[in-house]
């Protein structure tokens, strides 16, 4: 779904895609926050949300993604700041890139 100029919120029907292994939504103009329904993606290995247009903070539900190997989140919009959720359950995680946008960093 990367680089498609999507301009709406992520549809809630994505919450039902429980066999999802790779989800990349970089370089879009999506609306809304990172949805909490990502907790349903228990089989996901790669999650990339970079320059997507989504608003932070990163939901704590992301810590439920125990099969995640590659997590990349950067360039979130908005001014709502929250610390990075605990990632202790992600024992398979071997690549992590989290970079808060200037607007999120300056709102602390």
PDB file of N, CA and C in Angstrom:
ATOM      1  N   UNK A   1       0.811  -1.192   0.000  1.00  0.00           N
ATOM      2  CA  UNK A   1       0.000   0.000   0.000  1.00  0.00           C
ATOM      3  C   UNK A   1       0.858   1.260   0.000  1.00  0.00           C
ATOM      4  N   UNK A   2       2.160   1.109  -0.054  1.00  0.00           N
ATOM      5  CA  UNK A   2       3.040   2.273  -0.033  1.00  0.00           C
ATOM      6  C   UNK A   2       2.955   3.064  -1.329  1.00  0.00           C
ATOM      7  N   UNK A   3       3.156   4.371  -1.204  1.00  0.00           N
ATOM      8  CA  UNK A   3       3.245   5.301  -2.331  1.00  0.00           C
ATOM      9  C   UNK A   3       2.028   5.252  -3.259  1.00  0.00           C
ATOM     10  N   UNK A   4       0.846   5.246  -2.671  1.00  0.00           N
ATOM     11  CA  UNK A   4      -0.389   5.228  -3.467  1.00  0.00           C
ATOM     12  C   UNK A   4      -1.237   6.478  -3.284  1.00  0.00           C
ATOM     13  N   UNK A   5      -0.765   7.434  -2.527  1.00  0.00           N
ATOM     14  CA  UNK A   5      -1.502   8.670  -2.270  1.00  0.00           C
ATOM     15  C   UNK A   5      -2.877   8.428  -1.669  1.00  0.00           C
ATOM     16  N   UNK A   6      -2.996   7.402  -0.818  1.00  0.00           N
ATOM     17  CA  UNK A   6      -4.244   7.172  -0.108  1.00  0.00           C
ATOM     18  C   UNK A   6      -4.509   8.352   0.819  1.00  0.00           C
ATOM     19  N   UNK A   7      -5.772   8.765   0.923  1.00  0.00           N
ATOM     20  CA  UNK A   7      -6.097   9.966   1.685  1.00  0.00           C
ATOM     21  C   UNK A   7      -7.211   9.757   2.702  1.00  0.00           C
ATOM     22  N   UNK A   8      -7.540   8.554   3.049  1.00  0.00           N
ATOM     23  CA  UNK A   8      -8.596   8.286   4.026  1.00  0.00           C
ATOM     24  C   UNK A   8      -8.025   7.575   5.235  1.00  0.00           C
ATOM     25  N   UNK A   9      -8.877   7.321   6.221  1.00  0.00           N
ATOM     26  CA  UNK A   9      -8.462   6.512   7.354  1.00  0.00           C
ATOM     27  C   UNK A   9      -8.316   5.067   6.897  1.00  0.00           C
ATOM     28  N   UNK A  10      -7.492   4.315   7.623  1.00  0.00           N
ATOM     29  CA  UNK A  10      -7.396   2.894   7.318  1.00  0.00           C
ATOM     30  C   UNK A  10      -8.741   2.248   7.620  1.00  0.00           C
ATOM     31  N   UNK A  11      -9.271   1.467   6.703  1.00  0.00           N
ATOM     32  CA  UNK A  11     -10.579   0.861   6.933  1.00  0.00           C
ATOM     33  C   UNK A  11     -10.540  -0.173   8.054  1.00  0.00           C
ATOM     34  N   UNK A  12     -11.579  -0.189   8.863  1.00  0.00           N
ATOM     35  CA  UNK A  12     -11.637  -1.142   9.981  1.00  0.00           C
ATOM     36  C   UNK A  12     -11.717  -2.584   9.501  1.00  0.00           C
ATOM     37  N   UNK A  13     -12.064  -2.789   8.255  1.00  0.00           N
ATOM     38  CA  UNK A  13     -12.089  -4.156   7.724  1.00  0.00           C
ATOM     39  C   UNK A  13     -10.697  -4.779   7.742  1.00  0.00           C
ATOM     40  N   UNK A  14      -9.652  -3.953   7.777  1.00  0.00           N
ATOM     41  CA  UNK A  14      -8.287  -4.485   7.888  1.00  0.00           C
ATOM     42  C   UNK A  14      -8.074  -5.223   9.213  1.00  0.00           C
ATOM     43  N   UNK A  15      -8.892  -4.935  10.196  1.00  0.00           N
ATOM     44  CA  UNK A  15      -8.751  -5.614  11.492  1.00  0.00           C
ATOM     45  C   UNK A  15      -9.042  -7.103  11.380  1.00  0.00           C
ATOM     46  N   UNK A  16      -9.753  -7.500  10.337  1.00  0.00           N
ATOM     47  CA  UNK A  16     -10.128  -8.903  10.155  1.00  0.00           C
ATOM     48  C   UNK A  16      -9.092  -9.708   9.386  1.00  0.00           C
ATOM     49  N   UNK A  17      -8.059  -9.045   8.891  1.00  0.00           N
ATOM     50  CA  UNK A  17      -7.031  -9.723   8.113  1.00  0.00           C
ATOM     51  C   UNK A  17      -5.975 -10.266   9.092  1.00  0.00           C
ATOM     52  N   UNK A  18      -6.313 -11.342   9.759  1.00  0.00           N
ATOM     53  CA  UNK A  18      -5.447 -11.867  10.828  1.00  0.00           C
ATOM     54  C   UNK A  18      -4.262 -12.671  10.304  1.00  0.00           C
ATOM     55  N   UNK A  19      -4.245 -13.004   9.023  1.00  0.00           N
ATOM     56  CA  UNK A  19      -3.127 -13.758   8.464  1.00  0.00           C
ATOM     57  C   UNK A  19      -2.075 -12.835   7.834  1.00  0.00           C
ATOM     58  N   UNK A  20      -2.260 -11.553   7.974  1.00  0.00           N
ATOM     59  CA  UNK A  20      -1.351 -10.563   7.399  1.00  0.00           C
ATOM     60  C   UNK A  20       0.072 -10.764   7.913  1.00  0.00           C
ATOM     61  N   UNK A  21       1.046 -10.789   7.012  1.00  0.00           N
ATOM     62  CA  UNK A  21       2.448 -10.979   7.403  1.00  0.00           C
ATOM     63  C   UNK A  21       3.302  -9.734   7.163  1.00  0.00           C
ATOM     64  N   UNK A  22       2.900  -8.890   6.220  1.00  0.00           N
ATOM     65  CA  UNK A  22       3.707  -7.730   5.844  1.00  0.00           C
ATOM     66  C   UNK A  22       2.755  -6.581   5.539  1.00  0.00           C
ATOM     67  N   UNK A  23       2.936  -5.449   6.226  1.00  0.00           N
ATOM     68  CA  UNK A  23       2.063  -4.293   6.008  1.00  0.00           C
ATOM     69  C   UNK A  23       2.921  -3.044   5.945  1.00  0.00           C
ATOM     70  N   UNK A  24       2.908  -2.391   4.801  1.00  0.00           N
ATOM     71  CA  UNK A  24       3.716  -1.187   4.587  1.00  0.00           C
ATOM     72  C   UNK A  24       2.814  -0.089   4.026  1.00  0.00           C
ATOM     73  N   UNK A  25       2.760   1.023   4.729  1.00  0.00           N
ATOM     74  CA  UNK A  25       1.895   2.127   4.290  1.00  0.00           C
ATOM     75  C   UNK A  25       2.668   3.443   4.221  1.00  0.00           C
ATOM     76  N   UNK A  26       3.886   3.373   3.769  1.00  0.00           N
ATOM     77  CA  UNK A  26       4.723   4.567   3.662  1.00  0.00           C
ATOM     78  C   UNK A  26       4.293   5.442   2.488  1.00  0.00           C
ATOM     79  N   UNK A  27       4.628   6.711   2.605  1.00  0.00           N
ATOM     80  CA  UNK A  27       4.428   7.677   1.521  1.00  0.00           C
ATOM     81  C   UNK A  27       2.980   7.755   1.046  1.00  0.00           C
ATOM     82  N   UNK A  28       2.090   7.981   1.988  1.00  0.00           N
ATOM     83  CA  UNK A  28       0.681   8.206   1.702  1.00  0.00           C
ATOM     84  C   UNK A  28       0.232   9.449   2.449  1.00  0.00           C
ATOM     85  N   UNK A  29      -1.030   9.774   2.372  1.00  0.00           N
ATOM     86  CA  UNK A  29      -1.599  10.920   3.073  1.00  0.00           C
ATOM     87  C   UNK A  29      -2.824  10.465   3.853  1.00  0.00           C
ATOM     88  N   UNK A  30      -2.645   9.398   4.628  1.00  0.00           N
ATOM     89  CA  UNK A  30      -3.758   8.824   5.385  1.00  0.00           C
ATOM     90  C   UNK A  30      -4.204   9.756   6.499  1.00  0.00           C
ATOM     91  N   UNK A  31      -5.415   9.547   6.974  1.00  0.00           N
ATOM     92  CA  UNK A  31      -5.981  10.352   8.053  1.00  0.00           C
ATOM     93  C   UNK A  31      -6.129   9.498   9.300  1.00  0.00           C
ATOM     94  N   UNK A  32      -6.132  10.143  10.451  1.00  0.00           N
ATOM     95  CA  UNK A  32      -6.390   9.449  11.704  1.00  0.00           C
ATOM     96  C   UNK A  32      -5.136   8.928  12.380  1.00  0.00           C
ATOM     97  N   UNK A  33      -5.378   8.242  13.498  1.00  0.00           N
ATOM     98  CA  UNK A  33      -4.284   7.688  14.301  1.00  0.00           C
ATOM     99  C   UNK A  33      -3.928   6.288  13.821  1.00  0.00           C
ATOM    100  N   UNK A  34      -2.777   5.808  14.276  1.00  0.00           N
ATOM    101  CA  UNK A  34      -2.447   4.398  14.058  1.00  0.00           C
ATOM    102  C   UNK A  34      -3.531   3.608  14.768  1.00  0.00           C
ATOM    103  N   UNK A  35      -4.256   2.772  14.056  1.00  0.00           N
ATOM    104  CA  UNK A  35      -5.414   2.109  14.667  1.00  0.00           C
ATOM    105  C   UNK A  35      -5.022   1.051  15.701  1.00  0.00           C
ATOM    106  N   UNK A  36      -5.828   0.972  16.745  1.00  0.00           N
ATOM    107  CA  UNK A  36      -5.590  -0.029  17.785  1.00  0.00           C
ATOM    108  C   UNK A  36      -5.866  -1.431  17.286  1.00  0.00           C
ATOM    109  N   UNK A  37      -6.616  -1.549  16.187  1.00  0.00           N
ATOM    110  CA  UNK A  37      -6.918  -2.886  15.681  1.00  0.00           C
ATOM    111  C   UNK A  37      -5.693  -3.620  15.143  1.00  0.00           C
ATOM    112  N   UNK A  38      -4.548  -2.957  15.080  1.00  0.00           N
ATOM    113  CA  UNK A  38      -3.344  -3.671  14.645  1.00  0.00           C
ATOM    114  C   UNK A  38      -3.017  -4.833  15.582  1.00  0.00           C
ATOM    115  N   UNK A  39      -3.563  -4.798  16.785  1.00  0.00           N
ATOM    116  CA  UNK A  39      -3.335  -5.897  17.722  1.00  0.00           C
ATOM    117  C   UNK A  39      -3.875  -7.225  17.180  1.00  0.00           C
ATOM    118  N   UNK A  40      -4.782  -7.173  16.220  1.00  0.00           N
ATOM    119  CA  UNK A  40      -5.337  -8.387  15.621  1.00  0.00           C
ATOM    120  C   UNK A  40      -4.390  -9.050  14.625  1.00  0.00           C
ATOM    121  N   UNK A  41      -3.360  -8.334  14.224  1.00  0.00           N
ATOM    122  CA  UNK A  41      -2.437  -8.855  13.223  1.00  0.00           C
ATOM    123  C   UNK A  41      -1.348  -9.687  13.892  1.00  0.00           C
ATOM    124  N   UNK A  42      -1.729 -10.728  14.558  1.00  0.00           N
ATOM    125  CA  UNK A  42      -0.804 -11.514  15.386  1.00  0.00           C
ATOM    126  C   UNK A  42       0.228 -12.299  14.581  1.00  0.00           C
ATOM    127  N   UNK A  43       0.037 -12.449  13.282  1.00  0.00           N
ATOM    128  CA  UNK A  43       0.997 -13.173  12.446  1.00  0.00           C
ATOM    129  C   UNK A  43       1.951 -12.252  11.695  1.00  0.00           C
ATOM    130  N   UNK A  44       1.814 -10.955  11.878  1.00  0.00           N
ATOM    131  CA  UNK A  44       2.602 -10.000  11.103  1.00  0.00           C
ATOM    132  C   UNK A  44       4.091 -10.085  11.461  1.00  0.00           C
ATOM    133  N   UNK A  45       4.938 -10.020  10.418  1.00  0.00           N
ATOM    134  CA  UNK A  45       6.388 -10.019  10.591  1.00  0.00           C
ATOM    135  C   UNK A  45       6.992  -8.644  10.349  1.00  0.00           C
ATOM    136  N   UNK A  46       6.415  -7.889   9.410  1.00  0.00           N
ATOM    137  CA  UNK A  46       6.954  -6.583   9.036  1.00  0.00           C
ATOM    138  C   UNK A  46       5.842  -5.538   9.084  1.00  0.00           C
ATOM    139  N   UNK A  47       6.109  -4.454   9.816  1.00  0.00           N
ATOM    140  CA  UNK A  47       5.171  -3.341   9.895  1.00  0.00           C
ATOM    141  C   UNK A  47       5.945  -2.052   9.655  1.00  0.00           C
ATOM    142  N   UNK A  48       5.611  -1.359   8.566  1.00  0.00           N
ATOM    143  CA  UNK A  48       6.290  -0.120   8.203  1.00  0.00           C
ATOM    144  C   UNK A  48       5.259   0.990   8.058  1.00  0.00           C
ATOM    145  N   UNK A  49       5.403   2.017   8.891  1.00  0.00           N
ATOM    146  CA  UNK A  49       4.527   3.194   8.853  1.00  0.00           C
ATOM    147  C   UNK A  49       5.455   4.410   8.827  1.00  0.00           C
ATOM    148  N   UNK A  50       5.813   4.856   7.636  1.00  0.00           N
ATOM    149  CA  UNK A  50       6.748   5.970   7.485  1.00  0.00           C
ATOM    150  C   UNK A  50       6.175   6.970   6.487  1.00  0.00           C
ATOM    151  N   UNK A  51       6.054   8.208   6.909  1.00  0.00           N
ATOM    152  CA  UNK A  51       5.515   9.233   6.016  1.00  0.00           C
ATOM    153  C   UNK A  51       4.130   8.871   5.514  1.00  0.00           C
ATOM    154  N   UNK A  52       3.319   8.299   6.396  1.00  0.00           N
ATOM    155  CA  UNK A  52       2.009   7.791   6.003  1.00  0.00           C
ATOM    156  C   UNK A  52       0.897   8.823   6.139  1.00  0.00           C
ATOM    157  N   UNK A  53       1.149   9.873   6.900  1.00  0.00           N
ATOM    158  CA  UNK A  53       0.112  10.854   7.192  1.00  0.00           C
ATOM    159  C   UNK A  53      -0.614  10.563   8.492  1.00  0.00           C
ATOM    160  N   UNK A  54      -0.400   9.378   9.073  1.00  0.00           N
ATOM    161  CA  UNK A  54      -1.082   9.026  10.315  1.00  0.00           C
ATOM    162  C   UNK A  54      -0.578   9.861  11.483  1.00  0.00           C
ATOM    163  N   UNK A  55      -1.407   9.955  12.495  1.00  0.00           N
ATOM    164  CA  UNK A  55      -1.119  10.746  13.688  1.00  0.00           C
ATOM    165  C   UNK A  55      -0.680   9.816  14.808  1.00  0.00           C
ATOM    166  N   UNK A  56       0.296  10.263  15.600  1.00  0.00           N
ATOM    167  CA  UNK A  56       0.724   9.515  16.775  1.00  0.00           C
ATOM    168  C   UNK A  56      -0.235   9.735  17.914  1.00  0.00           C
ATOM    169  N   UNK A  57      -0.035   9.092  19.019  1.00  0.00           N
ATOM    170  CA  UNK A  57       1.136   8.299  19.384  1.00  0.00           C
ATOM    171  C   UNK A  57       1.011   6.862  18.888  1.00  0.00           C
ATOM    172  N   UNK A  58       2.087   6.108  19.080  1.00  0.00           N
ATOM    173  CA  UNK A  58       2.093   4.684  18.764  1.00  0.00           C
ATOM    174  C   UNK A  58       1.254   3.984  19.830  1.00  0.00           C
ATOM    175  N   UNK A  59       0.219   3.246  19.430  1.00  0.00           N
ATOM    176  CA  UNK A  59      -0.654   2.620  20.430  1.00  0.00           C
ATOM    177  C   UNK A  59       0.055   1.501  21.194  1.00  0.00           C
ATOM    178  N   UNK A  60      -0.276   1.364  22.455  1.00  0.00           N
ATOM    179  CA  UNK A  60       0.346   0.326  23.285  1.00  0.00           C
ATOM    180  C   UNK A  60       0.027  -1.071  22.759  1.00  0.00           C
ATOM    181  N   UNK A  61      -1.059  -1.219  22.012  1.00  0.00           N
ATOM    182  CA  UNK A  61      -1.445  -2.517  21.455  1.00  0.00           C
ATOM    183  C   UNK A  61      -0.386  -3.092  20.522  1.00  0.00           C
ATOM    184  N   UNK A  62       0.527  -2.254  20.072  1.00  0.00           N
ATOM    185  CA  UNK A  62       1.579  -2.743  19.184  1.00  0.00           C
ATOM    186  C   UNK A  62       2.449  -3.792  19.892  1.00  0.00           C
ATOM    187  N   UNK A  63       2.492  -3.720  21.204  1.00  0.00           N
ATOM    188  CA  UNK A  63       3.315  -4.673  21.967  1.00  0.00           C
ATOM    189  C   UNK A  63       2.765  -6.096  21.909  1.00  0.00           C
ATOM    190  N   UNK A  64       1.549  -6.272  21.430  1.00  0.00           N
ATOM    191  CA  UNK A  64       0.950  -7.603  21.312  1.00  0.00           C
ATOM    192  C   UNK A  64       1.389  -8.345  20.049  1.00  0.00           C
ATOM    193  N   UNK A  65       2.138  -7.689  19.198  1.00  0.00           N
ATOM    194  CA  UNK A  65       2.572  -8.291  17.939  1.00  0.00           C
ATOM    195  C   UNK A  65       3.859  -9.083  18.161  1.00  0.00           C
ATOM    196  N   UNK A  66       3.731 -10.240  18.729  1.00  0.00           N
ATOM    197  CA  UNK A  66       4.886 -11.057  19.159  1.00  0.00           C
ATOM    198  C   UNK A  66       5.687 -11.649  18.013  1.00  0.00           C
ATOM    199  N   UNK A  67       5.115 -11.760  16.830  1.00  0.00           N
ATOM    200  CA  UNK A  67       5.833 -12.318  15.682  1.00  0.00           C
ATOM    201  C   UNK A  67       6.535 -11.254  14.853  1.00  0.00           C
ATOM    202  N   UNK A  68       6.473 -10.023  15.308  1.00  0.00           N
ATOM    203  CA  UNK A  68       7.067  -8.919  14.555  1.00  0.00           C
ATOM    204  C   UNK A  68       8.587  -9.034  14.556  1.00  0.00           C
ATOM    205  N   UNK A  69       9.168  -8.973  13.366  1.00  0.00           N
ATOM    206  CA  UNK A  69      10.619  -9.033  13.191  1.00  0.00           C
ATOM    207  C   UNK A  69      11.165  -7.661  12.822  1.00  0.00           C
ATOM    208  N   UNK A  70      10.409  -6.925  12.013  1.00  0.00           N
ATOM    209  CA  UNK A  70      10.854  -5.640  11.474  1.00  0.00           C
ATOM    210  C   UNK A  70       9.775  -4.587  11.737  1.00  0.00           C
ATOM    211  N   UNK A  71      10.088  -3.603  12.575  1.00  0.00           N
ATOM    212  CA  UNK A  71       9.160  -2.525  12.912  1.00  0.00           C
ATOM    213  C   UNK A  71       9.802  -1.189  12.575  1.00  0.00           C
ATOM    214  N   UNK A  72       9.147  -0.435  11.701  1.00  0.00           N
ATOM    215  CA  UNK A  72       9.656   0.885  11.316  1.00  0.00           C
ATOM    216  C   UNK A  72       8.504   1.878  11.365  1.00  0.00           C
ATOM    217  N   UNK A  73       8.628   2.865  12.242  1.00  0.00           N
ATOM    218  CA  UNK A  73       7.616   3.912  12.366  1.00  0.00           C
ATOM    219  C   UNK A  73       8.339   5.248  12.423  1.00  0.00           C
ATOM    220  N   UNK A  74       7.966   6.151  11.532  1.00  0.00           N
ATOM    221  CA  UNK A  74       8.572   7.480  11.554  1.00  0.00           C
ATOM    222  C   UNK A  74       7.628   8.481  10.904  1.00  0.00           C
ATOM    223  N   UNK A  75       7.915   9.740  11.134  1.00  0.00           N
ATOM    224  CA  UNK A  75       7.205  10.851  10.503  1.00  0.00           C
ATOM    225  C   UNK A  75       5.710  10.853  10.793  1.00  0.00           C
ATOM    226  N   UNK A  76       5.354  10.568  12.040  1.00  0.00           N
ATOM    227  CA  UNK A  76       3.944  10.663  12.430  1.00  0.00           C
ATOM    228  C   UNK A  76       3.551  12.125  12.538  1.00  0.00           C
ATOM    229  N   UNK A  77       2.333  12.431  12.193  1.00  0.00           N
ATOM    230  CA  UNK A  77       1.823  13.798  12.297  1.00  0.00           C
ATOM    231  C   UNK A  77       1.179  14.013  13.659  1.00  0.00           C
ATOM    232  N   UNK A  78       0.884  15.264  13.961  1.00  0.00           N
ATOM    233  CA  UNK A  78       0.161  15.591  15.181  1.00  0.00           C
ATOM    234  C   UNK A  78       1.072  16.055  16.288  1.00  0.00           C
ATOM    235  N   UNK A  79       0.438  16.416  17.387  1.00  0.00           N
ATOM    236  CA  UNK A  79       1.208  16.952  18.505  1.00  0.00           C
ATOM    237  C   UNK A  79       1.020  16.132  19.777  1.00  0.00           C
ATOM    238  N   UNK A  80       0.341  15.001  19.693  1.00  0.00           N
ATOM    239  CA  UNK A  80       0.117  14.178  20.871  1.00  0.00           C
ATOM    240  C   UNK A  80       1.336  13.281  21.088  1.00  0.00           C
ATOM    241  N   UNK A  81       2.004  13.463  22.215  1.00  0.00           N
ATOM    242  CA  UNK A  81       3.203  12.689  22.512  1.00  0.00           C
ATOM    243  C   UNK A  81       2.900  11.643  23.571  1.00  0.00           C
ATOM    244  N   UNK A  82       3.475  10.486  23.402  1.00  0.00           N
ATOM    245  CA  UNK A  82       3.430   9.432  24.415  1.00  0.00           C
ATOM    246  C   UNK A  82       4.713   8.636  24.261  1.00  0.00           C
ATOM    247  N   UNK A  83       5.230   8.086  25.348  1.00  0.00           N
ATOM    248  CA  UNK A  83       6.452   7.293  25.230  1.00  0.00           C
ATOM    249  C   UNK A  83       6.217   6.043  24.387  1.00  0.00           C
ATOM    250  N   UNK A  84       7.284   5.513  23.862  1.00  0.00           N
ATOM    251  CA  UNK A  84       7.214   4.278  23.089  1.00  0.00           C
ATOM    252  C   UNK A  84       6.682   3.167  23.978  1.00  0.00           C
ATOM    253  N   UNK A  85       5.698   2.407  23.503  1.00  0.00           N
ATOM    254  CA  UNK A  85       5.161   1.309  24.313  1.00  0.00           C
ATOM    255  C   UNK A  85       6.227   0.263  24.613  1.00  0.00           C
ATOM    256  N   UNK A  86       6.029  -0.496  25.675  1.00  0.00           N
ATOM    257  CA  UNK A  86       6.926  -1.591  26.019  1.00  0.00           C
ATOM    258  C   UNK A  86       6.935  -2.614  24.885  1.00  0.00           C
ATOM    259  N   UNK A  87       8.118  -3.054  24.524  1.00  0.00           N
ATOM    260  CA  UNK A  87       8.259  -4.003  23.428  1.00  0.00           C
ATOM    261  C   UNK A  87       8.816  -5.340  23.917  1.00  0.00           C
ATOM    262  N   UNK A  88       8.729  -5.601  25.201  1.00  0.00           N
ATOM    263  CA  UNK A  88       9.307  -6.808  25.797  1.00  0.00           C
ATOM    264  C   UNK A  88       8.768  -8.096  25.190  1.00  0.00           C
ATOM    265  N   UNK A  89       7.517  -8.105  24.764  1.00  0.00           N
ATOM    266  CA  UNK A  89       6.907  -9.310  24.204  1.00  0.00           C
ATOM    267  C   UNK A  89       7.419  -9.634  22.806  1.00  0.00           C
ATOM    268  N   UNK A  90       8.086  -8.693  22.178  1.00  0.00           N
ATOM    269  CA  UNK A  90       8.552  -8.875  20.802  1.00  0.00           C
ATOM    270  C   UNK A  90       9.929  -9.530  20.798  1.00  0.00           C
ATOM    271  N   UNK A  91       9.985 -10.779  21.146  1.00  0.00           N
ATOM    272  CA  UNK A  91      11.265 -11.476  21.290  1.00  0.00           C
ATOM    273  C   UNK A  91      11.925 -11.779  19.950  1.00  0.00           C
ATOM    274  N   UNK A  92      11.185 -11.742  18.855  1.00  0.00           N
ATOM    275  CA  UNK A  92      11.745 -12.003  17.526  1.00  0.00           C
ATOM    276  C   UNK A  92      12.231 -10.729  16.824  1.00  0.00           C
ATOM    277  N   UNK A  93      11.919  -9.579  17.394  1.00  0.00           N
ATOM    278  CA  UNK A  93      12.237  -8.296  16.765  1.00  0.00           C
ATOM    279  C   UNK A  93      13.742  -8.149  16.576  1.00  0.00           C
ATOM    280  N   UNK A  94      14.160  -7.945  15.322  1.00  0.00           N
ATOM    281  CA  UNK A  94      15.591  -7.735  15.077  1.00  0.00           C
ATOM    282  C   UNK A  94      15.871  -6.439  14.340  1.00  0.00           C
ATOM    283  N   UNK A  95      14.831  -5.720  13.900  1.00  0.00           N
ATOM    284  CA  UNK A  95      15.030  -4.413  13.283  1.00  0.00           C
ATOM    285  C   UNK A  95      13.980  -3.459  13.820  1.00  0.00           C
ATOM    286  N   UNK A  96      14.432  -2.385  14.429  1.00  0.00           N
ATOM    287  CA  UNK A  96      13.537  -1.390  15.006  1.00  0.00           C
ATOM    288  C   UNK A  96      14.016  -0.011  14.592  1.00  0.00           C
ATOM    289  N   UNK A  97      13.107   0.746  13.986  1.00  0.00           N
ATOM    290  CA  UNK A  97      13.396   2.148  13.671  1.00  0.00           C
ATOM    291  C   UNK A  97      12.175   2.956  14.047  1.00  0.00           C
ATOM    292  N   UNK A  98      12.320   3.790  15.039  1.00  0.00           N
ATOM    293  CA  UNK A  98      11.246   4.678  15.469  1.00  0.00           C
ATOM    294  C   UNK A  98      11.828   6.076  15.509  1.00  0.00           C
ATOM    295  N   UNK A  99      11.220   6.983  14.769  1.00  0.00           N
ATOM    296  CA  UNK A  99      11.694   8.357  14.706  1.00  0.00           C
ATOM    297  C   UNK A  99      10.478   9.266  14.774  1.00  0.00           C
ATOM    298  N   UNK A 100      10.380  10.053  15.837  1.00  0.00           N
ATOM    299  CA  UNK A 100       9.248  10.949  16.000  1.00  0.00           C
ATOM    300  C   UNK A 100       9.470  12.210  15.188  1.00  0.00           C
ATOM    301  N   UNK A 101       8.401  12.698  14.572  1.00  0.00           N
ATOM    302  CA  UNK A 101       8.497  13.926  13.786  1.00  0.00           C
ATOM    303  C   UNK A 101       8.795  15.101  14.706  1.00  0.00           C
ATOM    304  N   UNK A 102       9.199  16.182  14.135  1.00  0.00           N
ATOM    305  CA  UNK A 102       9.525  17.378  14.903  1.00  0.00           C
ATOM    306  C   UNK A 102       8.341  17.837  15.742  1.00  0.00           C
ATOM    307  N   UNK A 103       7.146  17.792  15.181  1.00  0.00           N
ATOM    308  CA  UNK A 103       5.983  18.272  15.925  1.00  0.00           C
ATOM    309  C   UNK A 103       5.701  17.421  17.165  1.00  0.00           C
ATOM    310  N   UNK A 104       5.965  16.120  17.083  1.00  0.00           N
ATOM    311  CA  UNK A 104       5.764  15.264  18.261  1.00  0.00           C
ATOM    312  C   UNK A 104       6.859  15.510  19.285  1.00  0.00           C
ATOM    313  N   UNK A 105       8.098  15.654  18.855  1.00  0.00           N
ATOM    314  CA  UNK A 105       9.206  15.868  19.789  1.00  0.00           C
ATOM    315  C   UNK A 105       9.044  17.180  20.539  1.00  0.00           C
ATOM    316  N   UNK A 106       8.595  18.211  19.868  1.00  0.00           N
ATOM    317  CA  UNK A 106       8.510  19.530  20.475  1.00  0.00           C
ATOM    318  C   UNK A 106       7.289  19.694  21.378  1.00  0.00           C
ATOM    319  N   UNK A 107       6.399  18.742  21.391  1.00  0.00           N
ATOM    320  CA  UNK A 107       5.180  18.894  22.192  1.00  0.00           C
ATOM    321  C   UNK A 107       5.324  18.335  23.603  1.00  0.00           C
ATOM    322  N   UNK A 108       6.447  17.764  23.940  1.00  0.00           N
ATOM    323  CA  UNK A 108       6.644  17.187  25.272  1.00  0.00           C
ATOM    324  C   UNK A 108       6.644  18.254  26.345  1.00  0.00           C
TER     325      UNK A 108
END
